[in-house]
Amino acid sequence: MKVKIKAHVHYNKYHWQDKGEFEIFSVKFDDDNHRTYVGEQEIEIDVPDDYDPRAQQIAALEKQRQKVMADYHKTVTEINDRISKLQALEYTA
């Protein structure tokens, strides 16, 4: 299926670059020292008729879950290590 979207074209060139490049964004950015607004353009793209984003969304959520679990396990390991070190100290009160 054909999908029409509004594209905002910008010219981007940083001081260290020899040559700038044109970029397309879904929003218009204000001009600054390296980016200038060229104009708005409506473009048409082909999207498969049976396009379903759910598989990609599930994959992204699974990746996020893996990161959260890894961070959790790292934090628990650090806490356990601190507890072990405190328990190894001789306590005299």
PDB file of N, CA and C in Angstrom:
ATOM      1  N   MET A   1       0.841  -1.172   0.000  1.00  0.00           N
ATOM      2  CA  MET A   1       0.000   0.000   0.000  1.00  0.00           C
ATOM      3  C   MET A   1       0.883   1.230   0.000  1.00  0.00           C
ATOM      4  N   LYS A   2       0.391   2.282  -0.572  1.00  0.00           N
ATOM      5  CA  LYS A   2       1.105   3.559  -0.632  1.00  0.00           C
ATOM      6  C   LYS A   2       0.709   4.396   0.575  1.00  0.00           C
ATOM      7  N   VAL A   3       1.713   4.981   1.233  1.00  0.00           N
ATOM      8  CA  VAL A   3       1.479   5.842   2.384  1.00  0.00           C
ATOM      9  C   VAL A   3       2.138   7.184   2.108  1.00  0.00           C
ATOM     10  N   LYS A   4       1.382   8.262   2.289  1.00  0.00           N
ATOM     11  CA  LYS A   4       1.934   9.601   2.111  1.00  0.00           C
ATOM     12  C   LYS A   4       2.275  10.174   3.475  1.00  0.00           C
ATOM     13  N   ILE A   5       3.495  10.712   3.562  1.00  0.00           N
ATOM     14  CA  ILE A   5       3.916  11.350   4.808  1.00  0.00           C
ATOM     15  C   ILE A   5       4.549  12.701   4.497  1.00  0.00           C
ATOM     16  N   LYS A   6       4.504  13.572   5.494  1.00  0.00           N
ATOM     17  CA  LYS A   6       5.102  14.892   5.372  1.00  0.00           C
ATOM     18  C   LYS A   6       6.541  14.795   5.857  1.00  0.00           C
ATOM     19  N   ALA A   7       7.470  15.210   5.033  1.00  0.00           N
ATOM     20  CA  ALA A   7       8.890  15.162   5.385  1.00  0.00           C
ATOM     21  C   ALA A   7       9.447  16.577   5.417  1.00  0.00           C
ATOM     22  N   HIS A   8      10.253  16.848   6.417  1.00  0.00           N
ATOM     23  CA  HIS A   8      10.922  18.144   6.534  1.00  0.00           C
ATOM     24  C   HIS A   8      12.390  17.931   6.206  1.00  0.00           C
ATOM     25  N   VAL A   9      12.839  18.616   5.166  1.00  0.00           N
ATOM     26  CA  VAL A   9      14.199  18.444   4.668  1.00  0.00           C
ATOM     27  C   VAL A   9      15.102  19.516   5.282  1.00  0.00           C
ATOM     28  N   HIS A  10      16.231  19.061   5.797  1.00  0.00           N
ATOM     29  CA  HIS A  10      17.215  19.958   6.396  1.00  0.00           C
ATOM     30  C   HIS A  10      18.570  19.705   5.753  1.00  0.00           C
ATOM     31  N   TYR A  11      19.376  20.743   5.722  1.00  0.00           N
ATOM     32  CA  TYR A  11      20.765  20.607   5.278  1.00  0.00           C
ATOM     33  C   TYR A  11      21.629  20.676   6.516  1.00  0.00           C
ATOM     34  N   ASN A  12      22.489  19.673   6.690  1.00  0.00           N
ATOM     35  CA  ASN A  12      23.278  19.545   7.902  1.00  0.00           C
ATOM     36  C   ASN A  12      24.754  19.522   7.539  1.00  0.00           C
ATOM     37  N   LYS A  13      25.538  20.444   8.115  1.00  0.00           N
ATOM     38  CA  LYS A  13      26.987  20.456   7.870  1.00  0.00           C
ATOM     39  C   LYS A  13      27.676  20.993   9.120  1.00  0.00           C
ATOM     40  N   TYR A  14      28.481  20.131   9.722  1.00  0.00           N
ATOM     41  CA  TYR A  14      29.269  20.533  10.887  1.00  0.00           C
ATOM     42  C   TYR A  14      30.594  21.124  10.430  1.00  0.00           C
ATOM     43  N   HIS A  15      31.228  21.912  11.288  1.00  0.00           N
ATOM     44  CA  HIS A  15      32.462  22.611  10.895  1.00  0.00           C
ATOM     45  C   HIS A  15      33.595  21.652  10.520  1.00  0.00           C
ATOM     46  N   TRP A  16      33.605  20.438  11.035  1.00  0.00           N
ATOM     47  CA  TRP A  16      34.678  19.491  10.718  1.00  0.00           C
ATOM     48  C   TRP A  16      34.411  18.708   9.426  1.00  0.00           C
ATOM     49  N   GLN A  17      33.224  18.854   8.868  1.00  0.00           N
ATOM     50  CA  GLN A  17      32.890  18.124   7.645  1.00  0.00           C
ATOM     51  C   GLN A  17      33.275  18.932   6.416  1.00  0.00           C
ATOM     52  N   ASP A  18      33.772  18.234   5.412  1.00  0.00           N
ATOM     53  CA  ASP A  18      34.080  18.894   4.143  1.00  0.00           C
ATOM     54  C   ASP A  18      32.811  19.136   3.344  1.00  0.00           C
ATOM     55  N   LYS A  19      31.877  18.218   3.479  1.00  0.00           N
ATOM     56  CA  LYS A  19      30.654  18.269   2.685  1.00  0.00           C
ATOM     57  C   LYS A  19      29.461  18.001   3.590  1.00  0.00           C
ATOM     58  N   GLY A  20      28.416  18.775   3.438  1.00  0.00           N
ATOM     59  CA  GLY A  20      27.205  18.569   4.215  1.00  0.00           C
ATOM     60  C   GLY A  20      26.306  17.524   3.575  1.00  0.00           C
ATOM     61  N   GLU A  21      25.166  17.278   4.244  1.00  0.00           N
ATOM     62  CA  GLU A  21      24.236  16.297   3.706  1.00  0.00           C
ATOM     63  C   GLU A  21      22.803  16.727   3.995  1.00  0.00           C
ATOM     64  N   PHE A  22      21.915  16.270   3.170  1.00  0.00           N
ATOM     65  CA  PHE A  22      20.498  16.528   3.372  1.00  0.00           C
ATOM     66  C   PHE A  22      19.911  15.408   4.210  1.00  0.00           C
ATOM     67  N   GLU A  23      19.038  15.782   5.148  1.00  0.00           N
ATOM     68  CA  GLU A  23      18.407  14.802   6.020  1.00  0.00           C
ATOM     69  C   GLU A  23      16.915  15.055   6.062  1.00  0.00           C
ATOM     70  N   ILE A  24      16.163  14.001   6.280  1.00  0.00           N
ATOM     71  CA  ILE A  24      14.705  14.096   6.366  1.00  0.00           C
ATOM     72  C   ILE A  24      14.281  13.778   7.794  1.00  0.00           C
ATOM     73  N   PHE A  25      13.415  14.619   8.341  1.00  0.00           N
ATOM     74  CA  PHE A  25      12.858  14.408   9.671  1.00  0.00           C
ATOM     75  C   PHE A  25      11.346  14.551   9.593  1.00  0.00           C
ATOM     76  N   SER A  26      10.678  14.027  10.588  1.00  0.00           N
ATOM     77  CA  SER A  26       9.216  14.146  10.618  1.00  0.00           C
ATOM     78  C   SER A  26       8.776  15.484  11.203  1.00  0.00           C
ATOM     79  N   VAL A  27       9.728  16.234  11.748  1.00  0.00           N
ATOM     80  CA  VAL A  27       9.429  17.547  12.330  1.00  0.00           C
ATOM     81  C   VAL A  27      10.385  18.584  11.759  1.00  0.00           C
ATOM     82  N   LYS A  28       9.972  19.842  11.874  1.00  0.00           N
ATOM     83  CA  LYS A  28      10.820  20.938  11.422  1.00  0.00           C
ATOM     84  C   LYS A  28      11.645  21.427  12.599  1.00  0.00           C
ATOM     85  N   PHE A  29      12.961  21.476  12.416  1.00  0.00           N
ATOM     86  CA  PHE A  29      13.856  22.013  13.436  1.00  0.00           C
ATOM     87  C   PHE A  29      14.210  23.452  13.089  1.00  0.00           C
ATOM     88  N   ASP A  30      14.465  24.243  14.104  1.00  0.00           N
ATOM     89  CA  ASP A  30      14.914  25.612  13.890  1.00  0.00           C
ATOM     90  C   ASP A  30      16.329  25.604  13.325  1.00  0.00           C
ATOM     91  N   ASP A  31      16.647  26.621  12.570  1.00  0.00           N
ATOM     92  CA  ASP A  31      18.005  26.757  12.041  1.00  0.00           C
ATOM     93  C   ASP A  31      18.975  26.994  13.192  1.00  0.00           C
ATOM     94  N   ASP A  32      20.173  26.456  13.043  1.00  0.00           N
ATOM     95  CA  ASP A  32      21.231  26.743  14.004  1.00  0.00           C
ATOM     96  C   ASP A  32      22.558  26.796  13.258  1.00  0.00           C
ATOM     97  N   ASN A  33      23.664  26.709  13.989  1.00  0.00           N
ATOM     98  CA  ASN A  33      24.961  26.910  13.332  1.00  0.00           C
ATOM     99  C   ASN A  33      25.380  25.779  12.405  1.00  0.00           C
ATOM    100  N   HIS A  34      24.691  24.643  12.438  1.00  0.00           N
ATOM    101  CA  HIS A  34      25.069  23.553  11.535  1.00  0.00           C
ATOM    102  C   HIS A  34      23.891  22.991  10.730  1.00  0.00           C
ATOM    103  N   ARG A  35      22.677  23.361  11.069  1.00  0.00           N
ATOM    104  CA  ARG A  35      21.509  22.819  10.369  1.00  0.00           C
ATOM    105  C   ARG A  35      20.618  23.959   9.884  1.00  0.00           C
ATOM    106  N   THR A  36      20.204  23.851   8.624  1.00  0.00           N
ATOM    107  CA  THR A  36      19.259  24.826   8.072  1.00  0.00           C
ATOM    108  C   THR A  36      18.072  24.080   7.473  1.00  0.00           C
ATOM    109  N   TYR A  37      16.934  24.749   7.527  1.00  0.00           N
ATOM    110  CA  TYR A  37      15.701  24.157   7.009  1.00  0.00           C
ATOM    111  C   TYR A  37      15.596  24.436   5.519  1.00  0.00           C
ATOM    112  N   VAL A  38      15.381  23.372   4.745  1.00  0.00           N
ATOM    113  CA  VAL A  38      15.267  23.508   3.292  1.00  0.00           C
ATOM    114  C   VAL A  38      13.806  23.665   2.893  1.00  0.00           C
ATOM    115  N   GLY A  39      12.951  22.796   3.411  1.00  0.00           N
ATOM    116  CA  GLY A  39      11.538  22.886   3.075  1.00  0.00           C
ATOM    117  C   GLY A  39      10.792  21.601   3.393  1.00  0.00           C
ATOM    118  N   GLU A  40       9.482  21.690   3.190  1.00  0.00           N
ATOM    119  CA  GLU A  40       8.599  20.555   3.452  1.00  0.00           C
ATOM    120  C   GLU A  40       8.288  19.857   2.137  1.00  0.00           C
ATOM    121  N   GLN A  41       8.209  18.547   2.217  1.00  0.00           N
ATOM    122  CA  GLN A  41       7.920  17.763   1.023  1.00  0.00           C
ATOM    123  C   GLN A  41       7.010  16.607   1.414  1.00  0.00           C
ATOM    124  N   GLU A  42       5.998  16.367   0.613  1.00  0.00           N
ATOM    125  CA  GLU A  42       5.175  15.182   0.846  1.00  0.00           C
ATOM    126  C   GLU A  42       5.774  14.055   0.029  1.00  0.00           C
ATOM    127  N   ILE A  43       6.034  12.940   0.699  1.00  0.00           N
ATOM    128  CA  ILE A  43       6.616  11.801  -0.008  1.00  0.00           C
ATOM    129  C   ILE A  43       5.685  10.601   0.126  1.00  0.00           C
ATOM    130  N   GLU A  44       5.803   9.713  -0.820  1.00  0.00           N
ATOM    131  CA  GLU A  44       4.986   8.511  -0.832  1.00  0.00           C
ATOM    132  C   GLU A  44       5.906   7.304  -0.721  1.00  0.00           C
ATOM    133  N   ILE A  45       5.591   6.425   0.201  1.00  0.00           N
ATOM    134  CA  ILE A  45       6.406   5.230   0.377  1.00  0.00           C
ATOM    135  C   ILE A  45       5.534   3.990   0.253  1.00  0.00           C
ATOM    136  N   ASP A  46       6.166   2.899  -0.124  1.00  0.00           N
ATOM    137  CA  ASP A  46       5.472   1.618  -0.213  1.00  0.00           C
ATOM    138  C   ASP A  46       5.611   0.878   1.109  1.00  0.00           C
ATOM    139  N   VAL A  47       4.497   0.469   1.661  1.00  0.00           N
ATOM    140  CA  VAL A  47       4.465  -0.335   2.878  1.00  0.00           C
ATOM    141  C   VAL A  47       3.746  -1.628   2.523  1.00  0.00           C
ATOM    142  N   PRO A  48       4.304  -2.765   2.949  1.00  0.00           N
ATOM    143  CA  PRO A  48       3.622  -4.033   2.634  1.00  0.00           C
ATOM    144  C   PRO A  48       2.182  -4.023   3.145  1.00  0.00           C
ATOM    145  N   ASP A  49       1.278  -4.561   2.358  1.00  0.00           N
ATOM    146  CA  ASP A  49      -0.138  -4.578   2.738  1.00  0.00           C
ATOM    147  C   ASP A  49      -0.374  -5.320   4.047  1.00  0.00           C
ATOM    148  N   ASP A  50       0.442  -6.309   4.321  1.00  0.00           N
ATOM    149  CA  ASP A  50       0.257  -7.104   5.537  1.00  0.00           C
ATOM    150  C   ASP A  50       1.197  -6.662   6.663  1.00  0.00           C
ATOM    151  N   TYR A  51       1.675  -5.428   6.623  1.00  0.00           N
ATOM    152  CA  TYR A  51       2.611  -4.947   7.644  1.00  0.00           C
ATOM    153  C   TYR A  51       1.967  -4.993   9.024  1.00  0.00           C
ATOM    154  N   ASP A  52       2.672  -5.628   9.956  1.00  0.00           N
ATOM    155  CA  ASP A  52       2.206  -5.741  11.337  1.00  0.00           C
ATOM    156  C   ASP A  52       3.400  -5.443  12.239  1.00  0.00           C
ATOM    157  N   PRO A  53       3.366  -4.342  12.980  1.00  0.00           N
ATOM    158  CA  PRO A  53       4.522  -3.942  13.788  1.00  0.00           C
ATOM    159  C   PRO A  53       4.696  -4.741  15.079  1.00  0.00           C
ATOM    160  N   ARG A  54       3.750  -5.609  15.401  1.00  0.00           N
ATOM    161  CA  ARG A  54       3.786  -6.282  16.706  1.00  0.00           C
ATOM    162  C   ARG A  54       5.034  -7.127  16.928  1.00  0.00           C
ATOM    163  N   ALA A  55       5.508  -7.838  15.920  1.00  0.00           N
ATOM    164  CA  ALA A  55       6.708  -8.675  16.096  1.00  0.00           C
ATOM    165  C   ALA A  55       7.910  -7.812  16.473  1.00  0.00           C
ATOM    166  N   GLN A  56       8.060  -6.666  15.834  1.00  0.00           N
ATOM    167  CA  GLN A  56       9.167  -5.769  16.141  1.00  0.00           C
ATOM    168  C   GLN A  56       8.992  -5.168  17.542  1.00  0.00           C
ATOM    169  N   GLN A  57       7.756  -4.828  17.903  1.00  0.00           N
ATOM    170  CA  GLN A  57       7.495  -4.269  19.227  1.00  0.00           C
ATOM    171  C   GLN A  57       7.796  -5.305  20.311  1.00  0.00           C
ATOM    172  N   ILE A  58       7.413  -6.557  20.081  1.00  0.00           N
ATOM    173  CA  ILE A  58       7.692  -7.628  21.040  1.00  0.00           C
ATOM    174  C   ILE A  58       9.198  -7.815  21.183  1.00  0.00           C
ATOM    175  N   ALA A  59       9.916  -7.811  20.075  1.00  0.00           N
ATOM    176  CA  ALA A  59      11.368  -7.975  20.122  1.00  0.00           C
ATOM    177  C   ALA A  59      12.018  -6.836  20.908  1.00  0.00           C
ATOM    178  N   ALA A  60      11.544  -5.618  20.710  1.00  0.00           N
ATOM    179  CA  ALA A  60      12.088  -4.472  21.445  1.00  0.00           C
ATOM    180  C   ALA A  60      11.802  -4.597  22.935  1.00  0.00           C
ATOM    181  N   LEU A  61      10.602  -5.048  23.287  1.00  0.00           N
ATOM    182  CA  LEU A  61      10.255  -5.232  24.696  1.00  0.00           C
ATOM    183  C   LEU A  61      11.077  -6.353  25.324  1.00  0.00           C
ATOM    184  N   GLU A  62      11.315  -7.423  24.583  1.00  0.00           N
ATOM    185  CA  GLU A  62      12.142  -8.513  25.104  1.00  0.00           C
ATOM    186  C   GLU A  62      13.573  -8.041  25.349  1.00  0.00           C
ATOM    187  N   LYS A  63      14.094  -7.230  24.447  1.00  0.00           N
ATOM    188  CA  LYS A  63      15.431  -6.669  24.621  1.00  0.00           C
ATOM    189  C   LYS A  63      15.472  -5.770  25.850  1.00  0.00           C
ATOM    190  N   GLN A  64      14.432  -4.956  26.019  1.00  0.00           N
ATOM    191  CA  GLN A  64      14.342  -4.084  27.191  1.00  0.00           C
ATOM    192  C   GLN A  64      14.272  -4.919  28.471  1.00  0.00           C
ATOM    193  N   ARG A  65      13.484  -5.999  28.442  1.00  0.00           N
ATOM    194  CA  ARG A  65      13.357  -6.871  29.608  1.00  0.00           C
ATOM    195  C   ARG A  65      14.710  -7.488  29.962  1.00  0.00           C
ATOM    196  N   GLN A  66      15.469  -7.943  28.954  1.00  0.00           N
ATOM    197  CA  GLN A  66      16.784  -8.522  29.204  1.00  0.00           C
ATOM    198  C   GLN A  66      17.723  -7.520  29.870  1.00  0.00           C
ATOM    199  N   LYS A  67      17.675  -6.271  29.405  1.00  0.00           N
ATOM    200  CA  LYS A  67      18.530  -5.232  29.994  1.00  0.00           C
ATOM    201  C   LYS A  67      18.131  -4.971  31.437  1.00  0.00           C
ATOM    202  N   VAL A  68      16.831  -4.861  31.690  1.00  0.00           N
ATOM    203  CA  VAL A  68      16.353  -4.609  33.051  1.00  0.00           C
ATOM    204  C   VAL A  68      16.759  -5.753  33.972  1.00  0.00           C
ATOM    205  N   MET A  69      16.604  -6.989  33.504  1.00  0.00           N
ATOM    206  CA  MET A  69      16.969  -8.146  34.318  1.00  0.00           C
ATOM    207  C   MET A  69      18.478  -8.182  34.581  1.00  0.00           C
ATOM    208  N   ALA A  70      19.281  -7.857  33.583  1.00  0.00           N
ATOM    209  CA  ALA A  70      20.732  -7.827  33.762  1.00  0.00           C
ATOM    210  C   ALA A  70      21.115  -6.753  34.779  1.00  0.00           C
ATOM    211  N   ASP A  71      20.500  -5.574  34.670  1.00  0.00           N
ATOM    212  CA  ASP A  71      20.760  -4.499  35.638  1.00  0.00           C
ATOM    213  C   ASP A  71      20.337  -4.927  37.037  1.00  0.00           C
ATOM    214  N   TYR A  72      19.200  -5.596  37.145  1.00  0.00           N
ATOM    215  CA  TYR A  72      18.695  -6.078  38.429  1.00  0.00           C
ATOM    216  C   TYR A  72      19.683  -7.071  39.053  1.00  0.00           C
ATOM    217  N   HIS A  73      20.116  -8.044  38.261  1.00  0.00           N
ATOM    218  CA  HIS A  73      21.043  -9.051  38.777  1.00  0.00           C
ATOM    219  C   HIS A  73      22.380  -8.429  39.192  1.00  0.00           C
ATOM    220  N   LYS A  74      22.821  -7.451  38.433  1.00  0.00           N
ATOM    221  CA  LYS A  74      24.076  -6.761  38.777  1.00  0.00           C
ATOM    222  C   LYS A  74      23.920  -6.043  40.116  1.00  0.00           C
ATOM    223  N   THR A  75      22.811  -5.350  40.297  1.00  0.00           N
ATOM    224  CA  THR A  75      22.567  -4.625  41.540  1.00  0.00           C
ATOM    225  C   THR A  75      22.455  -5.582  42.723  1.00  0.00           C
ATOM    226  N   VAL A  76      21.740  -6.685  42.563  1.00  0.00           N
ATOM    227  CA  VAL A  76      21.605  -7.677  43.643  1.00  0.00           C
ATOM    228  C   VAL A  76      22.970  -8.258  43.995  1.00  0.00           C
ATOM    229  N   THR A  77      23.786  -8.536  42.996  1.00  0.00           N
ATOM    230  CA  THR A  77      25.125  -9.064  43.247  1.00  0.00           C
ATOM    231  C   THR A  77      25.958  -8.057  44.039  1.00  0.00           C
ATOM    232  N   GLU A  78      25.878  -6.779  43.674  1.00  0.00           N
ATOM    233  CA  GLU A  78      26.618  -5.745  44.394  1.00  0.00           C
ATOM    234  C   GLU A  78      26.143  -5.641  45.846  1.00  0.00           C
ATOM    235  N   ILE A  79      24.828  -5.703  46.062  1.00  0.00           N
ATOM    236  CA  ILE A  79      24.281  -5.648  47.423  1.00  0.00           C
ATOM    237  C   ILE A  79      24.739  -6.860  48.228  1.00  0.00           C
ATOM    238  N   ASN A  80      24.662  -8.047  47.640  1.00  0.00           N
ATOM    239  CA  ASN A  80      25.103  -9.258  48.321  1.00  0.00           C
ATOM    240  C   ASN A  80      26.586  -9.183  48.676  1.00  0.00           C
ATOM    241  N   ASP A  81      27.379  -8.624  47.782  1.00  0.00           N
ATOM    242  CA  ASP A  81      28.806  -8.473  48.030  1.00  0.00           C
ATOM    243  C   ASP A  81      29.040  -7.538  49.221  1.00  0.00           C
ATOM    244  N   ARG A  82      28.327  -6.440  49.271  1.00  0.00           N
ATOM    245  CA  ARG A  82      28.460  -5.500  50.383  1.00  0.00           C
ATOM    246  C   ARG A  82      28.035  -6.149  51.699  1.00  0.00           C
ATOM    247  N   ILE A  83      26.944  -6.925  51.663  1.00  0.00           N
ATOM    248  CA  ILE A  83      26.486  -7.630  52.867  1.00  0.00           C
ATOM    249  C   ILE A  83      27.554  -8.613  53.332  1.00  0.00           C
ATOM    250  N   SER A  84      28.115  -9.374  52.409  1.00  0.00           N
ATOM    251  CA  SER A  84      29.157 -10.345  52.758  1.00  0.00           C
ATOM    252  C   SER A  84      30.359  -9.668  53.389  1.00  0.00           C
ATOM    253  N   LYS A  85      30.763  -8.557  52.835  1.00  0.00           N
ATOM    254  CA  LYS A  85      31.910  -7.830  53.394  1.00  0.00           C
ATOM    255  C   LYS A  85      31.608  -7.321  54.797  1.00  0.00           C
ATOM    256  N   LEU A  86      30.388  -6.850  55.017  1.00  0.00           N
ATOM    257  CA  LEU A  86      30.009  -6.374  56.350  1.00  0.00           C
ATOM    258  C   LEU A  86      29.945  -7.523  57.338  1.00  0.00           C
ATOM    259  N   GLN A  87      29.468  -8.664  56.903  1.00  0.00           N
ATOM    260  CA  GLN A  87      29.369  -9.824  57.785  1.00  0.00           C
ATOM    261  C   GLN A  87      30.747 -10.401  58.105  1.00  0.00           C
ATOM    262  N   ALA A  88      31.721 -10.181  57.240  1.00  0.00           N
ATOM    263  CA  ALA A  88      33.061 -10.703  57.459  1.00  0.00           C
ATOM    264  C   ALA A  88      33.824  -9.871  58.498  1.00  0.00           C
ATOM    265  N   LEU A  89      33.371  -8.638  58.742  1.00  0.00           N
ATOM    266  CA  LEU A  89      34.028  -7.771  59.724  1.00  0.00           C
ATOM    267  C   LEU A  89      33.670  -8.263  61.130  1.00  0.00           C
ATOM    268  N   GLU A  90      34.644  -8.154  62.017  1.00  0.00           N
ATOM    269  CA  GLU A  90      34.372  -8.541  63.404  1.00  0.00           C
ATOM    270  C   GLU A  90      33.576  -7.426  64.058  1.00  0.00           C
ATOM    271  N   TYR A  91      32.473  -7.799  64.672  1.00  0.00           N
ATOM    272  CA  TYR A  91      31.583  -6.803  65.279  1.00  0.00           C
ATOM    273  C   TYR A  91      31.825  -6.819  66.782  1.00  0.00           C
ATOM    274  N   THR A  92      32.278  -5.691  67.301  1.00  0.00           N
ATOM    275  CA  THR A  92      32.446  -5.570  68.750  1.00  0.00           C
ATOM    276  C   THR A  92      31.686  -4.355  69.221  1.00  0.00           C
ATOM    277  N   ALA A  93      30.733  -4.609  70.092  1.00  0.00           N
ATOM    278  CA  ALA A  93      29.927  -3.501  70.609  1.00  0.00           C
ATOM    279  C   ALA A  93      30.011  -3.429  72.107  1.00  0.00           C
TER     280      ALA A  93
END
